[in-house]
N, C-alpha and C. Protein backbone atom coordinates (compact mmCIF):
# COMPACT_ATOMS: atom_id res chain seq x y z
N MET A 1 -36.70 37.73 -9.99
CA MET A 1 -35.84 36.65 -10.41
C MET A 1 -34.93 37.09 -11.56
N ASP A 2 -35.37 38.02 -12.38
CA ASP A 2 -34.53 38.42 -13.50
C ASP A 2 -33.32 39.24 -13.06
N LYS A 3 -33.27 39.65 -11.80
CA LYS A 3 -32.15 40.43 -11.30
C LYS A 3 -31.24 39.62 -10.38
N ALA A 4 -31.40 38.31 -10.35
CA ALA A 4 -30.56 37.47 -9.50
C ALA A 4 -29.13 37.44 -10.03
N ASP A 5 -28.19 37.35 -9.10
CA ASP A 5 -26.78 37.27 -9.49
C ASP A 5 -26.50 35.93 -10.17
N LYS A 6 -25.54 35.94 -11.09
CA LYS A 6 -25.13 34.70 -11.74
C LYS A 6 -24.35 33.86 -10.73
N ILE A 7 -24.49 32.55 -10.86
CA ILE A 7 -23.76 31.63 -9.98
C ILE A 7 -22.33 31.54 -10.48
N ALA A 8 -21.38 31.72 -9.58
CA ALA A 8 -19.96 31.71 -9.94
C ALA A 8 -19.53 30.33 -10.38
N THR A 9 -18.69 30.27 -11.41
CA THR A 9 -18.15 28.99 -11.90
C THR A 9 -16.66 28.88 -11.65
N LYS A 10 -16.04 29.93 -11.11
CA LYS A 10 -14.64 29.87 -10.71
C LYS A 10 -14.41 30.90 -9.62
N GLY A 11 -13.27 30.77 -8.96
CA GLY A 11 -12.99 31.63 -7.82
C GLY A 11 -13.15 30.85 -6.53
N VAL A 12 -13.29 31.56 -5.42
CA VAL A 12 -13.40 30.93 -4.10
C VAL A 12 -14.79 31.17 -3.54
N ASN A 13 -15.40 30.10 -3.03
CA ASN A 13 -16.67 30.22 -2.32
C ASN A 13 -16.31 30.46 -0.86
N LYS A 14 -16.50 31.66 -0.38
CA LYS A 14 -16.07 32.02 0.97
C LYS A 14 -16.93 31.37 2.05
N ASP A 15 -18.17 31.00 1.73
CA ASP A 15 -19.02 30.34 2.72
C ASP A 15 -18.54 28.94 3.05
N PHE A 16 -18.02 28.23 2.04
CA PHE A 16 -17.61 26.84 2.22
C PHE A 16 -16.10 26.65 2.23
N GLY A 17 -15.34 27.64 1.77
CA GLY A 17 -13.89 27.55 1.79
C GLY A 17 -13.28 26.73 0.67
N PHE A 18 -14.02 26.50 -0.39
CA PHE A 18 -13.52 25.73 -1.53
C PHE A 18 -13.26 26.64 -2.71
N GLU A 19 -12.26 26.26 -3.53
CA GLU A 19 -12.11 26.89 -4.83
C GLU A 19 -13.06 26.17 -5.78
N ILE A 20 -13.86 26.93 -6.49
CA ILE A 20 -14.92 26.37 -7.33
C ILE A 20 -14.31 25.70 -8.56
N ASN A 21 -14.73 24.47 -8.82
CA ASN A 21 -14.34 23.67 -9.99
C ASN A 21 -12.84 23.49 -10.13
N ARG A 22 -12.09 23.52 -9.02
CA ARG A 22 -10.66 23.24 -9.06
C ARG A 22 -10.42 21.87 -8.43
N PRO A 23 -9.80 20.95 -9.16
CA PRO A 23 -9.58 19.59 -8.63
C PRO A 23 -8.72 19.59 -7.37
N PHE A 24 -9.08 18.69 -6.43
CA PHE A 24 -8.30 18.50 -5.22
C PHE A 24 -8.40 17.04 -4.80
N TYR A 25 -7.50 16.63 -3.89
CA TYR A 25 -7.48 15.28 -3.34
C TYR A 25 -7.93 15.34 -1.89
N ILE A 26 -8.57 14.29 -1.43
CA ILE A 26 -8.92 14.15 -0.02
C ILE A 26 -7.90 13.16 0.56
N VAL A 27 -6.99 13.67 1.38
CA VAL A 27 -5.86 12.88 1.86
C VAL A 27 -6.12 12.44 3.30
N SER A 28 -5.89 11.15 3.56
CA SER A 28 -6.05 10.59 4.89
C SER A 28 -4.88 11.01 5.78
N GLN A 29 -5.13 11.14 7.08
CA GLN A 29 -4.05 11.41 8.02
C GLN A 29 -3.44 10.13 8.56
N LEU A 30 -3.92 8.99 8.11
CA LEU A 30 -3.33 7.71 8.49
C LEU A 30 -1.96 7.57 7.85
N PRO A 31 -1.12 6.64 8.32
CA PRO A 31 0.20 6.45 7.71
C PRO A 31 0.09 6.20 6.20
N MET A 32 1.08 6.64 5.48
CA MET A 32 1.22 6.49 4.03
C MET A 32 0.38 7.50 3.25
N ASN A 33 -0.35 8.39 3.91
CA ASN A 33 -1.10 9.45 3.25
C ASN A 33 -1.92 8.97 2.05
N LYS A 34 -2.72 7.98 2.27
CA LYS A 34 -3.57 7.49 1.19
C LYS A 34 -4.66 8.51 0.88
N VAL A 35 -5.23 8.40 -0.32
CA VAL A 35 -6.25 9.35 -0.75
C VAL A 35 -7.56 8.62 -1.00
N VAL A 36 -8.65 9.38 -0.95
CA VAL A 36 -9.97 8.82 -1.22
C VAL A 36 -10.09 8.60 -2.72
N GLU A 37 -10.59 7.42 -3.08
CA GLU A 37 -10.80 7.08 -4.49
C GLU A 37 -12.19 6.49 -4.65
N MET A 38 -12.87 6.88 -5.70
CA MET A 38 -14.17 6.30 -6.01
C MET A 38 -13.97 5.16 -6.99
N GLN A 39 -14.60 4.03 -6.69
CA GLN A 39 -14.54 2.87 -7.57
C GLN A 39 -15.94 2.56 -8.06
N GLY A 40 -16.12 2.55 -9.35
CA GLY A 40 -17.41 2.21 -9.91
C GLY A 40 -18.49 3.26 -9.68
N GLY A 41 -18.11 4.43 -9.26
CA GLY A 41 -19.08 5.50 -9.08
C GLY A 41 -19.76 5.54 -7.74
N THR A 42 -19.78 4.41 -7.00
CA THR A 42 -20.49 4.42 -5.73
C THR A 42 -19.63 4.04 -4.53
N ASN A 43 -18.60 3.26 -4.71
CA ASN A 43 -17.74 2.86 -3.60
C ASN A 43 -16.67 3.91 -3.35
N VAL A 44 -16.43 4.20 -2.08
CA VAL A 44 -15.39 5.13 -1.67
C VAL A 44 -14.38 4.35 -0.85
N VAL A 45 -13.12 4.34 -1.30
CA VAL A 45 -12.07 3.58 -0.63
C VAL A 45 -10.82 4.44 -0.50
N LEU A 46 -9.90 4.02 0.39
CA LEU A 46 -8.60 4.67 0.50
C LEU A 46 -7.60 3.89 -0.34
N LYS A 47 -6.87 4.61 -1.18
CA LYS A 47 -5.89 3.99 -2.06
C LYS A 47 -4.61 4.82 -2.06
N ARG A 48 -3.55 4.23 -2.56
CA ARG A 48 -2.30 4.95 -2.73
C ARG A 48 -2.47 6.00 -3.84
N TRP A 49 -1.89 7.18 -3.66
CA TRP A 49 -2.00 8.25 -4.64
C TRP A 49 -1.34 7.84 -5.95
N ARG A 50 -2.02 8.12 -7.04
CA ARG A 50 -1.49 7.91 -8.39
C ARG A 50 -1.72 9.19 -9.18
N ALA A 51 -0.72 9.61 -9.90
CA ALA A 51 -0.78 10.89 -10.63
C ALA A 51 -1.88 10.86 -11.69
N ASN A 52 -2.63 11.94 -11.75
CA ASN A 52 -3.64 12.19 -12.78
C ASN A 52 -4.74 11.15 -12.88
N GLN A 53 -5.11 10.55 -11.76
CA GLN A 53 -6.22 9.60 -11.75
C GLN A 53 -7.50 10.37 -11.40
N ARG A 54 -8.42 10.44 -12.34
CA ARG A 54 -9.64 11.21 -12.15
C ARG A 54 -10.54 10.60 -11.07
N GLN A 55 -10.37 9.31 -10.78
CA GLN A 55 -11.15 8.68 -9.71
C GLN A 55 -10.75 9.23 -8.34
N GLN A 56 -9.56 9.81 -8.22
CA GLN A 56 -9.06 10.31 -6.95
C GLN A 56 -9.22 11.83 -6.81
N GLN A 57 -9.68 12.49 -7.85
CA GLN A 57 -9.80 13.94 -7.83
C GLN A 57 -11.25 14.36 -7.62
N PHE A 58 -11.44 15.38 -6.82
CA PHE A 58 -12.77 15.89 -6.51
C PHE A 58 -12.83 17.38 -6.80
N VAL A 59 -14.04 17.89 -7.02
CA VAL A 59 -14.25 19.33 -7.22
C VAL A 59 -15.46 19.77 -6.41
N PHE A 60 -15.47 21.04 -6.06
CA PHE A 60 -16.64 21.63 -5.39
C PHE A 60 -17.52 22.23 -6.46
N ASP A 61 -18.78 21.76 -6.54
CA ASP A 61 -19.75 22.28 -7.49
C ASP A 61 -20.54 23.39 -6.80
N ASN A 62 -20.36 24.61 -7.25
CA ASN A 62 -20.98 25.76 -6.61
C ASN A 62 -22.48 25.85 -6.88
N VAL A 63 -22.95 25.20 -7.92
CA VAL A 63 -24.38 25.24 -8.23
C VAL A 63 -25.16 24.40 -7.22
N SER A 64 -24.72 23.15 -7.02
CA SER A 64 -25.43 22.25 -6.09
C SER A 64 -24.83 22.29 -4.68
N LYS A 65 -23.71 22.98 -4.50
CA LYS A 65 -23.02 23.08 -3.20
C LYS A 65 -22.60 21.70 -2.68
N THR A 66 -22.11 20.86 -3.58
CA THR A 66 -21.67 19.51 -3.22
C THR A 66 -20.26 19.26 -3.72
N VAL A 67 -19.63 18.21 -3.18
CA VAL A 67 -18.31 17.77 -3.63
C VAL A 67 -18.53 16.57 -4.54
N LYS A 68 -18.03 16.68 -5.77
CA LYS A 68 -18.23 15.64 -6.78
C LYS A 68 -16.90 15.10 -7.26
N ASN A 69 -16.93 13.88 -7.75
CA ASN A 69 -15.75 13.25 -8.30
C ASN A 69 -15.54 13.70 -9.73
N MET A 70 -14.28 13.79 -10.16
CA MET A 70 -13.99 14.22 -11.53
C MET A 70 -14.38 13.17 -12.56
N ASN A 71 -14.40 11.91 -12.17
CA ASN A 71 -14.71 10.84 -13.12
C ASN A 71 -16.21 10.57 -13.19
N TRP A 72 -16.90 10.61 -12.05
CA TRP A 72 -18.34 10.36 -12.00
C TRP A 72 -19.01 11.63 -11.48
N LYS A 73 -19.32 12.54 -12.37
CA LYS A 73 -19.83 13.85 -11.97
C LYS A 73 -21.29 13.85 -11.56
N ASN A 74 -21.99 12.75 -11.78
CA ASN A 74 -23.40 12.71 -11.38
C ASN A 74 -23.58 12.14 -9.97
N TYR A 75 -22.49 11.86 -9.26
CA TYR A 75 -22.54 11.39 -7.88
C TYR A 75 -21.87 12.43 -6.98
N ALA A 76 -22.43 12.62 -5.80
CA ALA A 76 -21.87 13.57 -4.84
C ALA A 76 -21.54 12.83 -3.54
N LEU A 77 -20.54 13.32 -2.82
CA LEU A 77 -20.18 12.72 -1.53
C LEU A 77 -21.28 12.98 -0.51
N ASP A 78 -21.48 11.99 0.35
CA ASP A 78 -22.53 12.06 1.36
C ASP A 78 -22.05 11.32 2.59
N ILE A 79 -22.42 11.80 3.77
CA ILE A 79 -22.13 11.09 5.02
C ILE A 79 -23.42 10.38 5.41
N GLN A 80 -23.31 9.08 5.65
CA GLN A 80 -24.49 8.28 5.98
C GLN A 80 -25.14 8.74 7.28
N ASN A 81 -26.40 8.39 7.43
CA ASN A 81 -27.18 8.64 8.64
C ASN A 81 -27.25 10.14 8.97
N ASN A 82 -27.47 10.95 7.95
CA ASN A 82 -27.62 12.40 8.12
C ASN A 82 -26.44 13.04 8.85
N GLY A 83 -25.23 12.59 8.54
CA GLY A 83 -24.03 13.16 9.13
C GLY A 83 -23.64 12.61 10.47
N ARG A 84 -24.38 11.63 10.98
CA ARG A 84 -24.06 11.06 12.30
C ARG A 84 -23.31 9.74 12.18
N SER A 85 -22.66 9.50 11.07
CA SER A 85 -21.94 8.25 10.85
C SER A 85 -20.50 8.55 10.47
N ASN A 86 -19.66 7.54 10.53
CA ASN A 86 -18.28 7.65 10.07
C ASN A 86 -18.14 7.21 8.62
N ASN A 87 -19.22 6.76 8.01
CA ASN A 87 -19.16 6.22 6.66
C ASN A 87 -19.37 7.31 5.62
N LEU A 88 -18.42 7.38 4.70
CA LEU A 88 -18.52 8.28 3.56
C LEU A 88 -18.96 7.47 2.37
N ARG A 89 -19.94 7.96 1.64
CA ARG A 89 -20.44 7.25 0.48
C ARG A 89 -20.76 8.26 -0.60
N THR A 90 -21.22 7.78 -1.73
CA THR A 90 -21.68 8.67 -2.79
C THR A 90 -23.13 8.36 -3.10
N THR A 91 -23.85 9.37 -3.49
CA THR A 91 -25.24 9.19 -3.87
C THR A 91 -25.52 9.94 -5.15
N ALA A 92 -26.46 9.40 -5.91
CA ALA A 92 -26.87 10.07 -7.14
C ALA A 92 -27.84 11.20 -6.84
N SER A 93 -28.55 11.10 -5.74
CA SER A 93 -29.45 12.19 -5.36
C SER A 93 -28.62 13.28 -4.68
N ILE A 94 -28.72 14.46 -5.18
CA ILE A 94 -27.91 15.56 -4.68
C ILE A 94 -28.53 16.10 -3.39
N ASN A 95 -27.77 16.00 -2.31
CA ASN A 95 -28.20 16.51 -1.02
C ASN A 95 -27.15 17.52 -0.57
N SER A 96 -27.45 18.79 -0.68
CA SER A 96 -26.45 19.80 -0.39
C SER A 96 -26.47 20.26 1.07
N ARG A 97 -27.06 19.47 1.93
CA ARG A 97 -27.07 19.84 3.35
C ARG A 97 -25.68 19.58 3.94
N TRP A 98 -25.15 20.54 4.65
CA TRP A 98 -23.82 20.42 5.25
C TRP A 98 -24.00 20.14 6.73
N TRP A 99 -23.34 19.09 7.22
CA TRP A 99 -23.50 18.65 8.61
C TRP A 99 -22.52 19.35 9.50
């Protein structure tokens, strides 16, 4: 264990295709290009893009291998029903399983 590699905090995670700890938006392909916004830490809704709103920005956390919101960093995105649902939600329990 003392010879384990350090976990990267920046750069690109080639396994998942994300830049580590770099903010990004999740943009809908529906008309008007709305973005995903977290409200109150647990609700995920589509809203009109607004500049520099931390509720609309997400980052890939390379330690837990999850996507987290910039405003509520203790919640991670999750797909309900073990990935067999269309519902996107957030959970406080970190589940890094990728569907």
